[in-house]
PDB file of N, CA and C in Angstrom:
ATOM      1  N   MET A   1     138.703 137.527 125.786  1.00  0.00           N
ATOM      2  CA  MET A   1     138.088 136.654 124.807  1.00  0.00           C
ATOM      3  C   MET A   1     138.860 136.714 123.489  1.00  0.00           C
ATOM      4  N   LYS A   2     139.265 137.920 123.110  1.00  0.00           N
ATOM      5  CA  LYS A   2     140.008 138.101 121.866  1.00  0.00           C
ATOM      6  C   LYS A   2     141.288 137.269 121.868  1.00  0.00           C
ATOM      7  N   GLU A   3     141.912 137.151 123.038  1.00  0.00           N
ATOM      8  CA  GLU A   3     143.157 136.400 123.140  1.00  0.00           C
ATOM      9  C   GLU A   3     142.945 134.889 123.063  1.00  0.00           C
ATOM     10  N   SER A   4     141.745 134.406 123.365  1.00  0.00           N
ATOM     11  CA  SER A   4     141.498 132.967 123.341  1.00  0.00           C
ATOM     12  C   SER A   4     140.820 132.495 122.060  1.00  0.00           C
ATOM     13  N   CYS A   5     140.601 133.399 121.125  1.00  0.00           N
ATOM     14  CA  CYS A   5     139.969 133.065 119.846  1.00  0.00           C
ATOM     15  C   CYS A   5     140.847 133.557 118.699  1.00  0.00           C
ATOM     16  N   GLU A   6     140.571 133.021 117.525  1.00  0.00           N
ATOM     17  CA  GLU A   6     141.191 133.626 116.345  1.00  0.00           C
ATOM     18  C   GLU A   6     140.367 134.864 116.025  1.00  0.00           C
ATOM     19  N   PHE A   7     141.006 135.975 115.893  1.00  0.00           N
ATOM     20  CA  PHE A   7     140.331 137.258 115.725  1.00  0.00           C
ATOM     21  C   PHE A   7     140.773 137.882 114.407  1.00  0.00           C
ATOM     22  N   GLN A   8     139.830 138.264 113.569  1.00  0.00           N
ATOM     23  CA  GLN A   8     140.129 138.871 112.273  1.00  0.00           C
ATOM     24  C   GLN A   8     139.335 140.157 112.106  1.00  0.00           C
ATOM     25  N   VAL A   9     139.926 141.130 111.438  1.00  0.00           N
ATOM     26  CA  VAL A   9     139.231 142.361 111.077  1.00  0.00           C
ATOM     27  C   VAL A   9     139.197 142.425 109.565  1.00  0.00           C
ATOM     28  N   TYR A  10     138.002 142.595 109.010  1.00  0.00           N
ATOM     29  CA  TYR A  10     137.844 142.698 107.558  1.00  0.00           C
ATOM     30  C   TYR A  10     137.214 144.033 107.204  1.00  0.00           C
ATOM     31  N   THR A  11     137.565 144.523 106.042  1.00  0.00           N
ATOM     32  CA  THR A  11     136.935 145.714 105.486  1.00  0.00           C
ATOM     33  C   THR A  11     136.152 145.296 104.248  1.00  0.00           C
ATOM     34  N   ALA A  12     135.350 146.195 103.727  1.00  0.00           N
ATOM     35  CA  ALA A  12     134.544 145.879 102.546  1.00  0.00           C
ATOM     36  C   ALA A  12     135.406 145.579 101.325  1.00  0.00           C
ATOM     37  N   THR A  13     136.643 146.025 101.319  1.00  0.00           N
ATOM     38  CA  THR A  13     137.515 145.783 100.167  1.00  0.00           C
ATOM     39  C   THR A  13     138.398 144.550 100.339  1.00  0.00           C
ATOM     40  N   ASN A  14     138.358 143.921 101.497  1.00  0.00           N
ATOM     41  CA  ASN A  14     139.176 142.749 101.780  1.00  0.00           C
ATOM     42  C   ASN A  14     138.713 141.561 100.931  1.00  0.00           C
ATOM     43  N   ALA A  15     139.660 140.836 100.335  1.00  0.00           N
ATOM     44  CA  ALA A  15     139.331 139.710  99.450  1.00  0.00           C
ATOM     45  C   ALA A  15     138.588 138.594 100.184  1.00  0.00           C
ATOM     46  N   ILE A  16     138.986 138.306 101.415  1.00  0.00           N
ATOM     47  CA  ILE A  16     138.292 137.255 102.169  1.00  0.00           C
ATOM     48  C   ILE A  16     136.857 137.677 102.463  1.00  0.00           C
ATOM     49  N   TYR A  17     136.664 138.941 102.849  1.00  0.00           N
ATOM     50  CA  TYR A  17     135.293 139.431 103.069  1.00  0.00           C
ATOM     51  C   TYR A  17     134.471 139.263 101.792  1.00  0.00           C
ATOM     52  N   LYS A  18     135.017 139.693 100.681  1.00  0.00           N
ATOM     53  CA  LYS A  18     134.276 139.643  99.408  1.00  0.00           C
ATOM     54  C   LYS A  18     133.885 138.215  99.030  1.00  0.00           C
ATOM     55  N   THR A  19     134.784 137.253  99.228  1.00  0.00           N
ATOM     56  CA  THR A  19     134.483 135.892  98.797  1.00  0.00           C
ATOM     57  C   THR A  19     133.708 135.085  99.833  1.00  0.00           C
ATOM     58  N   ARG A  20     133.921 135.343 101.103  1.00  0.00           N
ATOM     59  CA  ARG A  20     133.305 134.505 102.134  1.00  0.00           C
ATOM     60  C   ARG A  20     132.087 135.131 102.801  1.00  0.00           C
ATOM     61  N   TYR A  21     132.073 136.441 102.971  1.00  0.00           N
ATOM     62  CA  TYR A  21     131.030 137.049 103.803  1.00  0.00           C
ATOM     63  C   TYR A  21     130.116 138.057 103.108  1.00  0.00           C
ATOM     64  N   ALA A  22     130.525 138.601 101.985  1.00  0.00           N
ATOM     65  CA  ALA A  22     129.755 139.691 101.360  1.00  0.00           C
ATOM     66  C   ALA A  22     128.316 139.304 101.037  1.00  0.00           C
ATOM     67  N   ASP A  23     128.075 138.038 100.708  1.00  0.00           N
ATOM     68  CA  ASP A  23     126.714 137.633 100.357  1.00  0.00           C
ATOM     69  C   ASP A  23     125.804 137.480 101.569  1.00  0.00           C
ATOM     70  N   ILE A  24     126.383 137.379 102.773  1.00  0.00           N
ATOM     71  CA  ILE A  24     125.541 137.245 103.972  1.00  0.00           C
ATOM     72  C   ILE A  24     125.661 138.416 104.936  1.00  0.00           C
ATOM     73  N   VAL A  25     126.726 139.222 104.790  1.00  0.00           N
ATOM     74  CA  VAL A  25     126.943 140.379 105.667  1.00  0.00           C
ATOM     75  C   VAL A  25     127.163 141.611 104.793  1.00  0.00           C
ATOM     76  N   PRO A  26     126.114 142.380 104.535  1.00  0.00           N
ATOM     77  CA  PRO A  26     126.290 143.574 103.713  1.00  0.00           C
ATOM     78  C   PRO A  26     127.194 144.607 104.385  1.00  0.00           C
ATOM     79  N   ALA A  27     128.014 145.241 103.600  1.00  0.00           N
ATOM     80  CA  ALA A  27     128.943 146.249 104.135  1.00  0.00           C
ATOM     81  C   ALA A  27     128.203 147.378 104.848  1.00  0.00           C
ATOM     82  N   GLU A  28     126.953 147.624 104.480  1.00  0.00           N
ATOM     83  CA  GLU A  28     126.170 148.681 105.154  1.00  0.00           C
ATOM     84  C   GLU A  28     125.946 148.364 106.626  1.00  0.00           C
ATOM     85  N   GLN A  29     126.154 147.110 107.016  1.00  0.00           N
ATOM     86  CA  GLN A  29     125.963 146.712 108.407  1.00  0.00           C
ATOM     87  C   GLN A  29     127.218 146.912 109.256  1.00  0.00           C
ATOM     88  N   PHE A  30     128.342 147.263 108.636  1.00  0.00           N
ATOM     89  CA  PHE A  30     129.588 147.462 109.393  1.00  0.00           C
ATOM     90  C   PHE A  30     129.405 148.550 110.428  1.00  0.00           C
ATOM     91  N   PRO A  31     129.973 148.439 111.604  1.00  0.00           N
ATOM     92  CA  PRO A  31     130.780 147.313 112.066  1.00  0.00           C
ATOM     93  C   PRO A  31     129.889 146.116 112.386  1.00  0.00           C
ATOM     94  N   VAL A  32     130.449 144.919 112.211  1.00  0.00           N
ATOM     95  CA  VAL A  32     129.740 143.665 112.451  1.00  0.00           C
ATOM     96  C   VAL A  32     130.606 142.783 113.335  1.00  0.00           C
ATOM     97  N   VAL A  33     129.964 142.086 114.251  1.00  0.00           N
ATOM     98  CA  VAL A  33     130.643 141.074 115.052  1.00  0.00           C
ATOM     99  C   VAL A  33     130.069 139.725 114.644  1.00  0.00           C
ATOM    100  N   LEU A  34     130.917 138.844 114.122  1.00  0.00           N
ATOM    101  CA  LEU A  34     130.524 137.465 113.821  1.00  0.00           C
ATOM    102  C   LEU A  34     131.294 136.555 114.759  1.00  0.00           C
ATOM    103  N   PHE A  35     130.593 135.715 115.454  1.00  0.00           N
ATOM    104  CA  PHE A  35     131.200 134.732 116.335  1.00  0.00           C
ATOM    105  C   PHE A  35     130.944 133.384 115.678  1.00  0.00           C
ATOM    106  N   GLN A  36     132.025 132.709 115.280  1.00  0.00           N
ATOM    107  CA  GLN A  36     131.902 131.471 114.518  1.00  0.00           C
ATOM    108  C   GLN A  36     132.595 130.318 115.220  1.00  0.00           C
ATOM    109  N   ASP A  37     132.185 129.089 114.862  1.00  0.00           N
ATOM    110  CA  ASP A  37     132.882 127.925 115.391  1.00  0.00           C
ATOM    111  C   ASP A  37     134.092 127.609 114.506  1.00  0.00           C
ATOM    112  N   ALA A  38     134.818 126.574 114.846  1.00  0.00           N
ATOM    113  CA  ALA A  38     136.050 126.236 114.136  1.00  0.00           C
ATOM    114  C   ALA A  38     135.817 125.853 112.681  1.00  0.00           C
ATOM    115  N   THR A  39     134.591 125.472 112.336  1.00  0.00           N
ATOM    116  CA  THR A  39     134.290 125.087 110.955  1.00  0.00           C
ATOM    117  C   THR A  39     133.729 126.246 110.140  1.00  0.00           C
ATOM    118  N   GLY A  40     133.602 127.423 110.748  1.00  0.00           N
ATOM    119  CA  GLY A  40     133.014 128.567 110.062  1.00  0.00           C
ATOM    120  C   GLY A  40     131.529 128.707 110.314  1.00  0.00           C
ATOM    121  N   GLY A  41     130.957 127.782 111.098  1.00  0.00           N
ATOM    122  CA  GLY A  41     129.539 127.884 111.457  1.00  0.00           C
ATOM    123  C   GLY A  41     129.311 129.112 112.329  1.00  0.00           C
ATOM    124  N   HIS A  42     128.235 129.815 112.067  1.00  0.00           N
ATOM    125  CA  HIS A  42     127.986 131.067 112.774  1.00  0.00           C
ATOM    126  C   HIS A  42     127.218 130.817 114.061  1.00  0.00           C
ATOM    127  N   ILE A  43     127.757 131.338 115.144  1.00  0.00           N
ATOM    128  CA  ILE A  43     127.169 131.189 116.473  1.00  0.00           C
ATOM    129  C   ILE A  43     126.351 132.428 116.830  1.00  0.00           C
ATOM    130  N   HIS A  44     126.878 133.601 116.506  1.00  0.00           N
ATOM    131  CA  HIS A  44     126.189 134.857 116.834  1.00  0.00           C
ATOM    132  C   HIS A  44     126.622 135.924 115.833  1.00  0.00           C
ATOM    133  N   ALA A  45     125.696 136.771 115.470  1.00  0.00           N
ATOM    134  CA  ALA A  45     126.013 137.890 114.582  1.00  0.00           C
ATOM    135  C   ALA A  45     125.292 139.135 115.074  1.00  0.00           C
ATOM    136  N   ALA A  46     125.986 140.246 115.040  1.00  0.00           N
ATOM    137  CA  ALA A  46     125.385 141.537 115.385  1.00  0.00           C
ATOM    138  C   ALA A  46     126.028 142.589 114.498  1.00  0.00           C
ATOM    139  N   GLY A  47     125.207 143.429 113.926  1.00  0.00           N
ATOM    140  CA  GLY A  47     125.716 144.473 113.054  1.00  0.00           C
ATOM    141  C   GLY A  47     125.163 145.828 113.408  1.00  0.00           C
ATOM    142  N   ARG A  48     125.948 146.828 113.075  1.00  0.00           N
ATOM    143  CA  ARG A  48     125.593 148.242 113.231  1.00  0.00           C
ATOM    144  C   ARG A  48     124.754 148.519 114.462  1.00  0.00           C
ATOM    145  N   SER A  49     123.473 148.730 114.322  1.00  0.00           N
ATOM    146  CA  SER A  49     122.624 149.129 115.454  1.00  0.00           C
ATOM    147  C   SER A  49     122.309 147.978 116.400  1.00  0.00           C
ATOM    148  N   MET A  50     122.642 146.737 116.016  1.00  0.00           N
ATOM    149  CA  MET A  50     122.354 145.587 116.873  1.00  0.00           C
ATOM    150  C   MET A  50     123.481 145.301 117.865  1.00  0.00           C
ATOM    151  N   ILE A  51     124.619 145.953 117.718  1.00  0.00           N
ATOM    152  CA  ILE A  51     125.736 145.721 118.625  1.00  0.00           C
ATOM    153  C   ILE A  51     125.446 146.424 119.953  1.00  0.00           C
ATOM    154  N   PRO A  52     125.519 145.686 121.057  1.00  0.00           N
ATOM    155  CA  PRO A  52     125.256 146.309 122.365  1.00  0.00           C
ATOM    156  C   PRO A  52     126.216 147.455 122.649  1.00  0.00           C
ATOM    157  N   SER A  53     125.817 148.300 123.568  1.00  0.00           N
ATOM    158  CA  SER A  53     126.596 149.507 123.859  1.00  0.00           C
ATOM    159  C   SER A  53     127.747 149.290 124.829  1.00  0.00           C
ATOM    160  N   THR A  54     127.788 148.123 125.503  1.00  0.00           N
ATOM    161  CA  THR A  54     128.893 147.877 126.429  1.00  0.00           C
ATOM    162  C   THR A  54     129.558 146.541 126.117  1.00  0.00           C
ATOM    163  N   PRO A  55     130.839 146.408 126.446  1.00  0.00           N
ATOM    164  CA  PRO A  55     131.520 145.122 126.248  1.00  0.00           C
ATOM    165  C   PRO A  55     130.865 143.991 127.051  1.00  0.00           C
ATOM    166  N   GLU A  56     130.364 144.316 128.230  1.00  0.00           N
ATOM    167  CA  GLU A  56     129.721 143.307 129.062  1.00  0.00           C
ATOM    168  C   GLU A  56     128.462 142.744 128.396  1.00  0.00           C
ATOM    169  N   GLU A  57     127.672 143.630 127.804  1.00  0.00           N
ATOM    170  CA  GLU A  57     126.461 143.183 127.109  1.00  0.00           C
ATOM    171  C   GLU A  57     126.818 142.338 125.886  1.00  0.00           C
ATOM    172  N   LEU A  58     127.827 142.753 125.151  1.00  0.00           N
ATOM    173  CA  LEU A  58     128.253 141.986 123.981  1.00  0.00           C
ATOM    174  C   LEU A  58     128.732 140.604 124.405  1.00  0.00           C
ATOM    175  N   TYR A  59     129.554 140.530 125.440  1.00  0.00           N
ATOM    176  CA  TYR A  59     130.032 139.247 125.928  1.00  0.00           C
ATOM    177  C   TYR A  59     128.865 138.368 126.365  1.00  0.00           C
ATOM    178  N   SER A  60     127.901 138.955 127.047  1.00  0.00           N
ATOM    179  CA  SER A  60     126.726 138.211 127.487  1.00  0.00           C
ATOM    180  C   SER A  60     125.955 137.657 126.291  1.00  0.00           C
ATOM    181  N   ASP A  61     125.785 138.472 125.263  1.00  0.00           N
ATOM    182  CA  ASP A  61     125.102 138.019 124.044  1.00  0.00           C
ATOM    183  C   ASP A  61     125.866 136.876 123.378  1.00  0.00           C
ATOM    184  N   LEU A  62     127.191 137.011 123.281  1.00  0.00           N
ATOM    185  CA  LEU A  62     128.010 135.970 122.665  1.00  0.00           C
ATOM    186  C   LEU A  62     127.930 134.677 123.477  1.00  0.00           C
ATOM    187  N   ARG A  63     127.973 134.809 124.787  1.00  0.00           N
ATOM    188  CA  ARG A  63     127.887 133.636 125.658  1.00  0.00           C
ATOM    189  C   ARG A  63     126.536 132.947 125.500  1.00  0.00           C
ATOM    190  N   HIS A  64     125.458 133.730 125.484  1.00  0.00           N
ATOM    191  CA  HIS A  64     124.120 133.163 125.307  1.00  0.00           C
ATOM    192  C   HIS A  64     124.011 132.483 123.939  1.00  0.00           C
ATOM    193  N   GLY A  65     124.536 133.133 122.912  1.00  0.00           N
ATOM    194  CA  GLY A  65     124.537 132.535 121.574  1.00  0.00           C
ATOM    195  C   GLY A  65     125.284 131.214 121.556  1.00  0.00           C
ATOM    196  N   TYR A  66     126.393 131.148 122.280  1.00  0.00           N
ATOM    197  CA  TYR A  66     127.169 129.916 122.335  1.00  0.00           C
ATOM    198  C   TYR A  66     126.386 128.798 123.031  1.00  0.00           C
ATOM    199  N   LEU A  67     125.671 129.135 124.106  1.00  0.00           N
ATOM    200  CA  LEU A  67     124.863 128.131 124.791  1.00  0.00           C
ATOM    201  C   LEU A  67     123.762 127.597 123.870  1.00  0.00           C
ATOM    202  N   LEU A  68     123.115 128.490 123.128  1.00  0.00           N
ATOM    203  CA  LEU A  68     122.089 128.062 122.176  1.00  0.00           C
ATOM    204  C   LEU A  68     122.702 127.235 121.046  1.00  0.00           C
ATOM    205  N   TYR A  69     123.884 127.625 120.606  1.00  0.00           N
ATOM    206  CA  TYR A  69     124.605 126.889 119.570  1.00  0.00           C
ATOM    207  C   TYR A  69     124.885 125.455 120.027  1.00  0.00           C
ATOM    208  N   LYS A  70     125.340 125.300 121.279  1.00  0.00           N
ATOM    209  CA  LYS A  70     125.615 123.956 121.794  1.00  0.00           C
ATOM    210  C   LYS A  70     124.329 123.119 121.831  1.00  0.00           C
ATOM    211  N   GLN A  71     123.212 123.733 122.212  1.00  0.00           N
ATOM    212  CA  GLN A  71     121.938 123.019 122.217  1.00  0.00           C
ATOM    213  C   GLN A  71     121.541 122.601 120.801  1.00  0.00           C
ATOM    214  N   ALA A  72     121.735 123.503 119.855  1.00  0.00           N
ATOM    215  CA  ALA A  72     121.384 123.204 118.464  1.00  0.00           C
ATOM    216  C   ALA A  72     122.256 122.086 117.905  1.00  0.00           C
ATOM    217  N   LYS A  73     123.529 122.071 118.264  1.00  0.00           N
ATOM    218  CA  LYS A  73     124.424 121.005 117.809  1.00  0.00           C
ATOM    219  C   LYS A  73     123.960 119.654 118.348  1.00  0.00           C
ATOM    220  N   GLN A  74     123.434 119.643 119.551  1.00  0.00           N
ATOM    221  CA  GLN A  74     122.917 118.403 120.126  1.00  0.00           C
ATOM    222  C   GLN A  74     121.664 117.932 119.379  1.00  0.00           C
ATOM    223  N   ALA A  75     120.903 118.885 118.830  1.00  0.00           N
ATOM    224  CA  ALA A  75     119.643 118.560 118.164  1.00  0.00           C
ATOM    225  C   ALA A  75     119.793 118.347 116.662  1.00  0.00           C
ATOM    226  N   GLN A  76     121.005 118.436 116.133  1.00  0.00           N
ATOM    227  CA  GLN A  76     121.201 118.328 114.691  1.00  0.00           C
ATOM    228  C   GLN A  76     120.621 117.054 114.095  1.00  0.00           C
ATOM    229  N   LYS A  77     120.632 115.999 114.816  1.00  0.00           N
ATOM    230  CA  LYS A  77     120.173 114.715 114.291  1.00  0.00           C
ATOM    231  C   LYS A  77     118.657 114.634 114.180  1.00  0.00           C
ATOM    232  N   THR A  78     117.950 115.667 114.600  1.00  0.00           N
ATOM    233  CA  THR A  78     116.489 115.648 114.569  1.00  0.00           C
ATOM    234  C   THR A  78     115.917 116.057 113.223  1.00  0.00           C
ATOM    235  N   GLY A  79     116.764 116.524 112.314  1.00  0.00           N
ATOM    236  CA  GLY A  79     116.281 116.941 111.009  1.00  0.00           C
ATOM    237  C   GLY A  79     115.992 118.428 110.926  1.00  0.00           C
ATOM    238  N   ALA A  80     116.496 119.199 111.863  1.00  0.00           N
ATOM    239  CA  ALA A  80     116.294 120.648 111.821  1.00  0.00           C
ATOM    240  C   ALA A  80     116.869 121.199 110.520  1.00  0.00           C
ATOM    241  N   VAL A  81     116.206 122.183 109.953  1.00  0.00           N
ATOM    242  CA  VAL A  81     116.616 122.762 108.684  1.00  0.00           C
ATOM    243  C   VAL A  81     117.546 123.931 108.923  1.00  0.00           C
ATOM    244  N   LYS A  82     118.664 123.941 108.225  1.00  0.00           N
ATOM    245  CA  LYS A  82     119.584 125.077 108.299  1.00  0.00           C
ATOM    246  C   LYS A  82     119.266 126.029 107.157  1.00  0.00           C
ATOM    247  N   THR A  83     119.390 127.308 107.415  1.00  0.00           N
ATOM    248  CA  THR A  83     119.225 128.305 106.367  1.00  0.00           C
ATOM    249  C   THR A  83     120.453 129.184 106.343  1.00  0.00           C
ATOM    250  N   LYS A  84     120.602 129.927 105.282  1.00  0.00           N
ATOM    251  CA  LYS A  84     121.760 130.794 105.109  1.00  0.00           C
ATOM    252  C   LYS A  84     121.332 132.241 105.289  1.00  0.00           C
ATOM    253  N   GLY A  85     122.164 133.026 105.965  1.00  0.00           N
ATOM    254  CA  GLY A  85     121.920 134.452 106.069  1.00  0.00           C
ATOM    255  C   GLY A  85     121.408 134.887 107.432  1.00  0.00           C
ATOM    256  N   TYR A  86     121.249 136.185 107.562  1.00  0.00           N
ATOM    257  CA  TYR A  86     120.815 136.809 108.805  1.00  0.00           C
ATOM    258  C   TYR A  86     119.727 137.825 108.497  1.00  0.00           C
ATOM    259  N   SER A  87     119.015 138.219 109.536  1.00  0.00           N
ATOM    260  CA  SER A  87     118.077 139.316 109.416  1.00  0.00           C
ATOM    261  C   SER A  87     118.780 140.580 109.897  1.00  0.00           C
ATOM    262  N   TRP A  88     118.987 141.506 108.998  1.00  0.00           N
ATOM    263  CA  TRP A  88     119.650 142.769 109.349  1.00  0.00           C
ATOM    264  C   TRP A  88     118.598 143.875 109.470  1.00  0.00           C
ATOM    265  N   ASP A  89     117.500 143.575 110.119  1.00  0.00           N
ATOM    266  CA  ASP A  89     116.389 144.497 110.290  1.00  0.00           C
ATOM    267  C   ASP A  89     116.815 145.687 111.145  1.00  0.00           C
ATOM    268  N   ASP A  90     116.662 146.883 110.622  1.00  0.00           N
ATOM    269  CA  ASP A  90     117.055 148.091 111.355  1.00  0.00           C
ATOM    270  C   ASP A  90     116.248 148.299 112.628  1.00  0.00           C
ATOM    271  N   ALA A  91     115.099 147.632 112.749  1.00  0.00           N
ATOM    272  CA  ALA A  91     114.286 147.784 113.945  1.00  0.00           C
ATOM    273  C   ALA A  91     114.816 146.953 115.112  1.00  0.00           C
ATOM    274  N   ILE A  92     115.761 146.046 114.833  1.00  0.00           N
ATOM    275  CA  ILE A  92     116.334 145.228 115.904  1.00  0.00           C
ATOM    276  C   ILE A  92     117.421 146.037 116.602  1.00  0.00           C
ATOM    277  N   THR A  93     117.279 146.151 117.906  1.00  0.00           N
ATOM    278  CA  THR A  93     118.266 146.895 118.704  1.00  0.00           C
ATOM    279  C   THR A  93     118.691 146.031 119.884  1.00  0.00           C
ATOM    280  N   PRO A  94     119.811 146.344 120.505  1.00  0.00           N
ATOM    281  CA  PRO A  94     120.259 145.556 121.648  1.00  0.00           C
ATOM    282  C   PRO A  94     119.304 145.581 122.828  1.00  0.00           C
ATOM    283  N   THR A  95     118.400 146.542 122.858  1.00  0.00           N
ATOM    284  CA  THR A  95     117.488 146.646 123.998  1.00  0.00           C
ATOM    285  C   THR A  95     116.199 145.854 123.811  1.00  0.00           C
ATOM    286  N   LEU A  96     116.033 145.180 122.678  1.00  0.00           N
ATOM    287  CA  LEU A  96     114.811 144.385 122.472  1.00  0.00           C
ATOM    288  C   LEU A  96     114.843 143.149 123.330  1.00  0.00           C
TER     289      LEU A  96
END
């Protein structure tokens, strides 16, 4: 998957992280996986304790997120409201 996507690694001190992601992805959540579309739209996000324990589970989550993303893109014309940000609730775990 990494080979078929643009893949970037950011740190809390990285300028792109600071300007583009710091307001929606707190550094306390690192490591974080953000799966985005070509326009920067977020398809799936998982941070710290929300990241699954196996690559297979992570891939499955990303794939499911992509399927939901495609459905949402089809429904955009219905007037659905977009919001900014994520819930980084520590109670959310990959096993929920």
